[in-house]
């Protein structure tokens, strides 16, 4: 059984070598692939030197010029063929001593994705110095659990194991840090099996800085919440919009209706036009929701047929 360890890396010269040594010590039989995501420091040279100094370790350094973790992982998923895929960050925040425990449920056929859960044992809250990111994680986590009736603890963990069936049937559409959330959404939406296993977590070593930006990524989280509703639950999204516009229409139109009942004439013409507009938008939103919900169901049907064909091959 071929196991591929995917290590996306962007300017990780301070932590990459220790990460690779940790991987080799706990899973020496695996092939290691470092995806250099257009680094400007010594990341690429350190990775190549590691393979040169350890010729018994299979793997190579791949290069991805398009900036963003999702592009790096996309390159790996496209170019690498394996039975099991392990994705881990190059920043030494995920100790590898639990990697075999994460791989086991996939090799036994019990699931298609195993997520290294940083949250359950409280280590992430203690080690993480960026409290706003913790708040954003919890917000997105709660929303996804609500929409999909799931009970996941760590949707944004970057330490994951995948089956070949999942990897070869997963189109990566995101660009950057949204990758982990997109993976989880795809798995939940397409009914892949997910298991979470608690892992250890430690913050970046001194001198190593995160690539995340509090304000930019905060805006992305809000955009992500909007997109999750729109793309995965269009009927709920557009029905909610229809209800809001209908409420506005009733509020604006109520005095107009009272006036017409009492005088059989409408003097508040602008209010009547505005109320009519709100009600039309409400009706259009409802119809859009119904149409898109049908499209989603057709998409799910076609995807299941694709999975059946993948199994037969």
Protein backbone atom coordinates (compact mmCIF):
# COMPACT_ATOMS: atom_id res chain seq x y z
CA UNK A 1 0.00 0.00 0.00
CA UNK A 2 1.52 3.29 -1.13
CA UNK A 3 1.31 6.19 1.33
CA UNK A 4 2.06 9.72 0.14
CA UNK A 5 2.83 12.48 2.66
CA UNK A 6 2.00 15.90 1.20
CA UNK A 7 3.81 18.85 2.79
CA UNK A 8 2.80 22.21 1.28
CA UNK A 9 5.47 24.77 2.18
CA UNK A 10 5.81 28.51 1.68
CA UNK A 11 8.82 30.19 3.32
CA UNK A 12 9.22 27.53 6.00
CA UNK A 13 13.02 27.37 6.16
CA UNK A 14 12.98 27.45 9.98
CA UNK A 15 10.65 24.48 10.46
CA UNK A 16 10.68 22.35 7.30
CA UNK A 17 13.68 20.19 8.16
CA UNK A 18 12.37 19.26 11.61
CA UNK A 19 8.99 18.45 10.05
CA UNK A 20 10.54 16.15 7.46
CA UNK A 21 12.69 14.40 10.07
CA UNK A 22 9.61 13.88 12.23
CA UNK A 23 7.72 12.35 9.30
CA UNK A 24 10.60 10.03 8.41
CA UNK A 25 11.06 8.83 11.99
CA UNK A 26 7.39 7.88 12.44
CA UNK A 27 6.50 6.72 8.91
CA UNK A 28 9.74 5.73 7.12
CA UNK A 29 7.98 3.65 4.45
CA UNK A 30 5.95 6.62 3.15
CA UNK A 31 6.83 8.75 0.14
CA UNK A 32 7.29 12.40 1.10
CA UNK A 33 6.36 15.19 -1.31
CA UNK A 34 7.28 18.77 -0.43
CA UNK A 35 5.26 21.24 -2.48
CA UNK A 36 7.29 24.44 -2.66
CA UNK A 37 4.65 27.12 -3.10
CA UNK A 38 6.87 29.77 -4.68
CA UNK A 39 9.04 30.26 -1.59
CA UNK A 40 11.56 33.12 -1.54
CA UNK A 41 13.73 31.75 1.29
CA UNK A 42 15.74 28.51 1.55
CA UNK A 43 12.69 26.21 1.73
CA UNK A 44 13.36 24.59 -1.65
CA UNK A 45 17.08 24.10 -0.98
CA UNK A 46 16.44 22.60 2.47
CA UNK A 47 13.93 20.12 1.04
CA UNK A 48 16.29 19.02 -1.72
CA UNK A 49 19.14 18.70 0.74
CA UNK A 50 16.97 16.48 2.95
CA UNK A 51 16.33 14.02 0.14
CA UNK A 52 20.00 14.09 -0.88
CA UNK A 53 21.08 13.35 2.69
CA UNK A 54 18.47 10.58 3.05
CA UNK A 55 18.50 8.58 -0.21
CA UNK A 56 16.48 5.79 1.41
CA UNK A 57 13.52 8.18 1.72
CA UNK A 58 11.31 8.13 -1.36
CA UNK A 59 9.75 11.34 -2.61
CA UNK A 60 10.62 14.60 -4.28
CA UNK A 61 10.20 18.36 -4.25
CA UNK A 62 7.42 19.70 -6.46
CA UNK A 63 7.05 23.37 -7.36
CA UNK A 64 3.80 25.33 -7.56
CA UNK A 65 4.09 28.95 -8.72
CA UNK A 66 0.47 29.93 -8.05
CA UNK A 67 0.36 31.35 -4.56
CA UNK A 68 -1.91 29.67 -2.05
CA UNK A 69 -2.03 26.43 -0.10
CA UNK A 70 -4.95 25.16 -2.16
CA UNK A 71 -2.90 25.46 -5.37
CA UNK A 72 -0.05 23.52 -3.77
CA UNK A 73 -2.32 20.69 -2.61
CA UNK A 74 -4.08 20.70 -5.98
CA UNK A 75 -0.73 20.10 -7.67
CA UNK A 76 -0.04 17.19 -5.30
CA UNK A 77 -3.46 15.58 -5.73
CA UNK A 78 -3.18 15.87 -9.52
CA UNK A 79 0.38 14.64 -9.90
CA UNK A 80 0.74 12.01 -7.17
CA UNK A 81 -0.83 8.54 -7.29
CA UNK A 82 -1.11 6.68 -4.00
CA UNK A 83 -3.50 4.55 -1.97
CA UNK A 84 -3.39 6.81 1.10
CA UNK A 85 -2.70 10.55 1.19
CA UNK A 86 -1.55 12.38 4.32
CA UNK A 87 -1.58 16.19 4.35
CA UNK A 88 0.41 17.99 7.02
CA UNK A 89 1.71 21.55 7.39
CA UNK A 90 5.44 22.30 7.24
CA UNK A 91 5.44 24.52 10.33
CA UNK A 92 6.09 21.80 12.96
CA UNK A 93 2.75 22.45 14.68
CA UNK A 94 1.52 18.87 14.16
CA UNK A 95 3.70 16.22 15.88
CA UNK A 96 3.74 13.08 13.75
CA UNK A 97 3.66 10.45 16.50
CA UNK A 98 -0.09 9.96 15.91
CA UNK A 99 0.14 9.52 12.13
CA UNK A 100 -0.39 5.74 12.16
CA UNK A 101 -3.49 6.13 14.30
CA UNK A 102 -4.86 8.59 11.74
CA UNK A 103 -4.06 6.33 8.80
CA UNK A 104 -5.59 3.18 10.29
CA UNK A 105 -9.33 4.03 9.82
CA UNK A 106 -8.72 4.75 6.12
CA UNK A 107 -6.69 1.59 5.49
CA UNK A 108 -9.37 -0.45 7.24
CA UNK A 109 -12.04 1.08 5.00
CA UNK A 110 -13.94 2.74 7.83
CA UNK A 111 -13.81 6.26 6.39
CA UNK A 112 -12.59 8.42 3.51
CA UNK A 113 -11.14 11.27 5.59
CA UNK A 114 -9.52 11.36 9.01
CA UNK A 115 -9.05 14.78 10.60
CA UNK A 116 -6.48 15.47 13.29
CA UNK A 117 -8.64 17.14 15.96
CA UNK A 118 -6.73 19.92 17.78
CA UNK A 119 -9.73 21.17 19.72
CA UNK A 120 -10.98 18.29 21.88
CA UNK A 121 -7.99 18.09 24.21
CA UNK A 122 -7.74 21.88 24.59
CA UNK A 123 -4.17 22.14 23.26
CA UNK A 124 -5.09 24.45 20.37
CA UNK A 125 -6.77 26.94 22.69
CA UNK A 126 -3.71 26.96 24.95
CA UNK A 127 -1.06 27.10 22.22
CA UNK A 128 -2.75 29.37 19.68
CA UNK A 129 -1.77 33.03 20.13
CA UNK A 130 -4.25 34.37 17.58
CA UNK A 131 -7.54 34.45 19.49
CA UNK A 132 -9.49 36.05 16.63
CA UNK A 133 -8.69 33.04 14.46
CA UNK A 134 -10.00 30.77 17.18
CA UNK A 135 -13.26 32.74 17.21
CA UNK A 136 -13.52 32.50 13.41
CA UNK A 137 -12.86 28.76 13.54
CA UNK A 138 -15.63 28.24 16.08
CA UNK A 139 -18.06 30.40 14.11
CA UNK A 140 -17.57 28.50 10.84
CA UNK A 141 -17.50 25.19 12.72
CA UNK A 142 -20.87 25.88 14.37
CA UNK A 143 -22.46 26.97 11.09
CA UNK A 144 -21.35 23.87 9.18
CA UNK A 145 -22.44 21.54 11.97
CA UNK A 146 -25.85 23.27 11.99
CA UNK A 147 -26.35 23.07 8.23
CA UNK A 148 -25.22 19.47 7.83
CA UNK A 149 -26.42 18.15 11.21
CA UNK A 150 -22.87 17.08 11.99
CA UNK A 151 -20.83 17.08 15.18
CA UNK A 152 -17.33 17.93 13.98
CA UNK A 153 -14.90 19.59 16.38
CA UNK A 154 -12.09 20.88 14.15
CA UNK A 155 -13.13 21.73 10.62
CA UNK A 156 -10.02 23.82 9.87
CA UNK A 157 -7.33 21.35 10.93
CA UNK A 158 -4.50 21.04 8.41
CA UNK A 159 -3.53 17.51 9.48
CA UNK A 160 -5.61 15.03 7.47
CA UNK A 161 -5.57 11.58 5.89
CA UNK A 162 -7.54 10.80 2.72
CA UNK A 163 -8.51 7.76 0.74
CA UNK A 164 -7.69 7.61 -2.97
CA UNK A 165 -11.43 7.58 -3.69
CA UNK A 166 -11.81 10.97 -2.00
CA UNK A 167 -8.71 12.59 -3.52
CA UNK A 168 -9.45 11.57 -7.10
CA UNK A 169 -13.06 12.73 -6.86
CA UNK A 170 -12.46 16.07 -5.16
CA UNK A 171 -12.10 19.19 -7.34
CA UNK A 172 -10.21 21.86 -5.38
CA UNK A 173 -11.87 25.21 -6.07
CA UNK A 174 -10.53 27.39 -3.25
CA UNK A 175 -7.28 29.36 -3.35
CA UNK A 176 -5.82 29.64 0.12
CA UNK A 177 -6.59 28.98 3.77
CA UNK A 178 -10.20 28.06 2.93
CA UNK A 179 -8.93 24.70 1.68
CA UNK A 180 -9.59 22.72 4.87
CA UNK A 181 -13.12 24.09 5.16
CA UNK A 182 -13.79 23.27 1.51
CA UNK A 183 -12.53 19.72 2.05
CA UNK A 184 -14.90 19.25 4.98
CA UNK A 185 -17.84 20.74 3.09
CA UNK A 186 -17.19 18.51 0.09
CA UNK A 187 -16.99 15.42 2.30
CA UNK A 188 -20.20 16.26 4.17
CA UNK A 189 -22.11 17.32 1.06
CA UNK A 190 -21.07 14.23 -0.94
CA UNK A 191 -21.58 11.89 2.05
CA UNK A 192 -17.98 10.76 2.43
CA UNK A 193 -17.26 9.30 5.84
CA UNK A 194 -15.29 11.52 8.25
CA UNK A 195 -13.61 10.51 11.50
CA UNK A 196 -11.89 12.92 13.89
CA UNK A 197 -9.04 11.73 16.11
CA UNK A 198 -7.62 14.00 18.86
CA UNK A 199 -3.99 14.95 18.27
CA UNK A 200 -1.31 17.01 19.96
CA UNK A 201 -0.70 20.54 18.75
CA UNK A 202 1.98 23.10 19.44
CA UNK A 203 2.33 26.68 18.33
CA UNK A 204 4.97 27.71 15.82
CA UNK A 205 8.50 27.88 17.21
CA UNK A 206 9.95 31.29 18.00
CA UNK A 207 11.00 33.16 14.87
CA UNK A 208 8.49 31.39 12.64
CA UNK A 209 5.49 33.50 11.67
CA UNK A 210 2.05 32.53 10.43
CA UNK A 211 0.99 33.43 6.89
CA UNK A 212 -2.53 34.26 8.10
CA UNK A 213 -3.72 37.88 8.26
CA UNK A 214 -6.29 38.66 10.94
CA UNK A 215 -8.35 41.25 9.04
CA UNK A 216 -8.08 39.81 5.55
CA UNK A 217 -8.85 36.32 6.76
CA UNK A 218 -11.69 37.65 8.92
CA UNK A 219 -13.27 39.09 5.78
CA UNK A 220 -12.75 35.76 4.06
CA UNK A 221 -14.50 33.97 6.91
CA UNK A 222 -17.55 36.21 6.47
CA UNK A 223 -17.49 35.62 2.73
CA UNK A 224 -17.18 31.90 3.37
CA UNK A 225 -20.24 31.88 5.64
CA UNK A 226 -22.24 33.64 2.92
CA UNK A 227 -21.02 31.18 0.27
CA UNK A 228 -21.75 28.11 2.39
CA UNK A 229 -25.40 29.09 2.69
CA UNK A 230 -25.72 30.06 -0.98
CA UNK A 231 -23.87 27.13 -2.55
CA UNK A 232 -24.78 24.21 -0.28
CA UNK A 233 -28.23 25.18 0.99
CA UNK A 234 -29.70 27.40 -1.77
CA UNK A 235 -33.31 26.71 -0.83
CA UNK A 236 -32.76 27.82 2.77
CA UNK A 237 -30.68 30.80 1.65
CA UNK A 238 -33.13 32.16 -0.89
CA UNK A 239 -36.21 31.31 1.20
CA UNK A 240 -34.67 33.35 4.02
CA UNK A 241 -34.10 36.22 1.58
CA UNK A 242 -37.68 35.85 0.32
CA UNK A 243 -39.02 36.02 3.87
CA UNK A 244 -37.02 39.17 4.63
CA UNK A 245 -38.20 40.97 1.49
CA UNK A 246 -41.76 39.85 2.13
CA UNK A 247 -41.55 41.30 5.65
CA UNK A 248 -40.29 44.61 4.25
CA UNK A 249 -43.11 44.56 1.71
CA UNK A 250 -45.73 43.99 4.42
CA UNK A 251 -44.29 46.72 6.65
CA UNK A 252 -44.25 49.27 3.82
CA UNK A 253 -47.53 48.09 2.29
CA UNK A 254 -49.61 47.78 5.47
CA UNK A 255 -50.48 51.52 5.69
CA UNK A 256 -51.26 51.48 1.95
CA UNK A 257 -53.69 48.59 2.37
CA UNK A 258 -55.39 50.25 5.33
CA UNK A 259 -55.75 53.45 3.33
CA UNK A 260 -57.30 51.61 0.40
CA UNK A 261 -59.75 49.72 2.65
CA UNK A 262 -60.90 52.96 4.27
CA UNK A 263 -60.96 55.31 1.24
CA UNK A 264 -60.94 52.94 -1.77
CA UNK A 265 -58.11 55.09 -3.08
CA UNK A 266 -54.31 55.09 -2.76
CA UNK A 267 -52.59 58.37 -2.00
CA UNK A 268 -49.27 56.84 -0.91
CA UNK A 269 -48.26 55.78 -4.41
CA UNK A 270 -44.47 55.62 -3.75
CA UNK A 271 -45.08 53.34 -0.77
CA UNK A 272 -47.33 51.14 -2.88
CA UNK A 273 -44.68 50.87 -5.60
CA UNK A 274 -41.95 50.08 -3.05
CA UNK A 275 -44.09 47.44 -1.34
CA UNK A 276 -44.86 45.85 -4.70
CA UNK A 277 -41.17 45.81 -5.53
CA UNK A 278 -40.32 44.09 -2.26
CA UNK A 279 -42.98 41.45 -2.85
CA UNK A 280 -41.78 40.80 -6.41
CA UNK A 281 -38.20 40.36 -5.19
CA UNK A 282 -39.49 37.99 -2.54
CA UNK A 283 -41.33 35.91 -5.15
CA UNK A 284 -38.29 35.86 -7.47
CA UNK A 285 -35.98 34.80 -4.59
CA UNK A 286 -38.29 31.92 -3.72
CA UNK A 287 -38.30 30.70 -7.31
CA UNK A 288 -34.50 30.97 -7.56
CA UNK A 289 -34.18 28.89 -4.41
CA UNK A 290 -36.45 26.16 -5.77
CA UNK A 291 -34.59 26.05 -9.12
CA UNK A 292 -31.12 25.94 -7.53
CA UNK A 293 -32.22 23.30 -5.04
CA UNK A 294 -33.25 21.11 -7.97
CA UNK A 295 -29.87 21.75 -9.63
CA UNK A 296 -28.08 20.68 -6.44
CA UNK A 297 -30.07 17.43 -6.32
CA UNK A 298 -29.22 16.69 -9.97
CA UNK A 299 -25.55 17.41 -9.23
CA UNK A 300 -25.61 14.97 -6.29
CA UNK A 301 -27.18 12.31 -8.51
CA UNK A 302 -24.51 12.72 -11.20
CA UNK A 303 -21.74 12.70 -8.59
CA UNK A 304 -22.97 9.40 -7.13
CA UNK A 305 -22.93 7.89 -10.62
CA UNK A 306 -19.34 9.11 -11.00
CA UNK A 307 -18.37 7.42 -7.72
CA UNK A 308 -19.96 4.16 -8.86
CA UNK A 309 -17.91 4.33 -12.05
CA UNK A 310 -14.75 5.09 -10.02
CA UNK A 311 -15.31 1.99 -7.87
CA UNK A 312 -15.79 -0.20 -10.96
CA UNK A 313 -12.46 1.03 -12.36
